[in-house]
Amino acid sequence: MTVLIIAAIAYLSLALILVYAIDNLVALFFPDARSAVPLIPTLEKMMAASRKYYRK
């Protein structure tokens, strides 16, 4: 039973490492242009929209 648990944990760990590696490769070849946008203007736009719809 212990061997089965260790094998399952090892399998899941390897799967997570594989997903992480593929994610990094995809990010390397297809960089996200939206990540360069600062967060503050986005929050300001969200707050303005919220106030606009709250008044209606």
C-alpha atoms as a PDB file:
ATOM      1  CA  MET A   1       0.000   0.000   0.000  1.00  0.00           C
ATOM      2  CA  THR A   2       2.855   2.380   0.818  1.00  0.00           C
ATOM      3  CA  VAL A   3       4.481   1.722  -2.545  1.00  0.00           C
ATOM      4  CA  LEU A   4       1.216   2.614  -4.275  1.00  0.00           C
ATOM      5  CA  ILE A   5       1.000   5.945  -2.427  1.00  0.00           C
ATOM      6  CA  ILE A   6       4.630   6.781  -3.228  1.00  0.00           C
ATOM      7  CA  ALA A   7       4.083   5.888  -6.886  1.00  0.00           C
ATOM      8  CA  ALA A   8       0.959   8.065  -7.055  1.00  0.00           C
ATOM      9  CA  ILE A   9       2.765  11.032  -5.490  1.00  0.00           C
ATOM     10  CA  ALA A  10       5.716  10.594  -7.841  1.00  0.00           C
ATOM     11  CA  TYR A  11       3.373  10.378 -10.845  1.00  0.00           C
ATOM     12  CA  LEU A  12       1.525  13.554  -9.841  1.00  0.00           C
ATOM     13  CA  SER A  13       4.809  15.358  -9.168  1.00  0.00           C
ATOM     14  CA  LEU A  14       6.165  14.448 -12.587  1.00  0.00           C
ATOM     15  CA  ALA A  15       2.902  15.511 -14.202  1.00  0.00           C
ATOM     16  CA  LEU A  16       3.064  18.910 -12.483  1.00  0.00           C
ATOM     17  CA  ILE A  17       6.685  19.377 -13.534  1.00  0.00           C
ATOM     18  CA  LEU A  18       5.755  18.515 -17.117  1.00  0.00           C
ATOM     19  CA  VAL A  19       2.845  20.987 -17.132  1.00  0.00           C
ATOM     20  CA  TYR A  20       5.095  23.695 -15.667  1.00  0.00           C
ATOM     21  CA  ALA A  21       7.775  23.066 -18.300  1.00  0.00           C
ATOM     22  CA  ILE A  22       5.276  23.160 -21.164  1.00  0.00           C
ATOM     23  CA  ASP A  23       3.748  26.353 -19.762  1.00  0.00           C
ATOM     24  CA  ASN A  24       7.168  28.003 -19.690  1.00  0.00           C
ATOM     25  CA  LEU A  25       7.901  26.891 -23.252  1.00  0.00           C
ATOM     26  CA  VAL A  26       4.600  28.299 -24.477  1.00  0.00           C
ATOM     27  CA  ALA A  27       5.288  31.577 -22.659  1.00  0.00           C
ATOM     28  CA  LEU A  28       8.725  31.686 -24.264  1.00  0.00           C
ATOM     29  CA  PHE A  29       7.398  31.377 -27.811  1.00  0.00           C
ATOM     30  CA  PHE A  30       4.149  33.335 -27.328  1.00  0.00           C
ATOM     31  CA  PRO A  31       4.777  36.185 -24.881  1.00  0.00           C
ATOM     32  CA  ASP A  32       1.679  37.797 -23.448  1.00  0.00           C
ATOM     33  CA  ALA A  33       1.528  41.448 -24.490  1.00  0.00           C
ATOM     34  CA  ARG A  34      -1.120  42.193 -21.865  1.00  0.00           C
ATOM     35  CA  SER A  35       1.235  41.393 -19.002  1.00  0.00           C
ATOM     36  CA  ALA A  36       3.142  44.615 -19.724  1.00  0.00           C
ATOM     37  CA  VAL A  37       0.052  46.707 -18.915  1.00  0.00           C
ATOM     38  CA  PRO A  38       0.227  48.156 -15.410  1.00  0.00           C
ATOM     39  CA  LEU A  39      -2.427  47.003 -12.971  1.00  0.00           C
ATOM     40  CA  ILE A  40      -3.365  50.430 -11.585  1.00  0.00           C
ATOM     41  CA  PRO A  41      -5.077  51.833 -14.738  1.00  0.00           C
ATOM     42  CA  THR A  42      -7.026  48.607 -15.059  1.00  0.00           C
ATOM     43  CA  LEU A  43      -8.287  48.937 -11.495  1.00  0.00           C
ATOM     44  CA  GLU A  44      -9.176  52.580 -12.109  1.00  0.00           C
ATOM     45  CA  LYS A  45     -11.230  51.606 -15.158  1.00  0.00           C
ATOM     46  CA  MET A  46     -13.008  48.913 -13.168  1.00  0.00           C
ATOM     47  CA  MET A  47     -13.843  51.356 -10.371  1.00  0.00           C
ATOM     48  CA  ALA A  48     -15.127  53.953 -12.869  1.00  0.00           C
ATOM     49  CA  ALA A  49     -17.377  51.366 -14.532  1.00  0.00           C
ATOM     50  CA  SER A  50     -18.611  50.221 -11.145  1.00  0.00           C
ATOM     51  CA  ARG A  51     -19.516  53.784 -10.135  1.00  0.00           C
ATOM     52  CA  LYS A  52     -21.222  54.360 -13.490  1.00  0.00           C
ATOM     53  CA  TYR A  53     -23.521  51.365 -13.139  1.00  0.00           C
ATOM     54  CA  TYR A  54     -24.113  51.963  -9.428  1.00  0.00           C
ATOM     55  CA  ARG A  55     -25.648  55.376 -10.153  1.00  0.00           C
ATOM     56  CA  LYS A  56     -28.171  53.993 -12.645  1.00  0.00           C
END
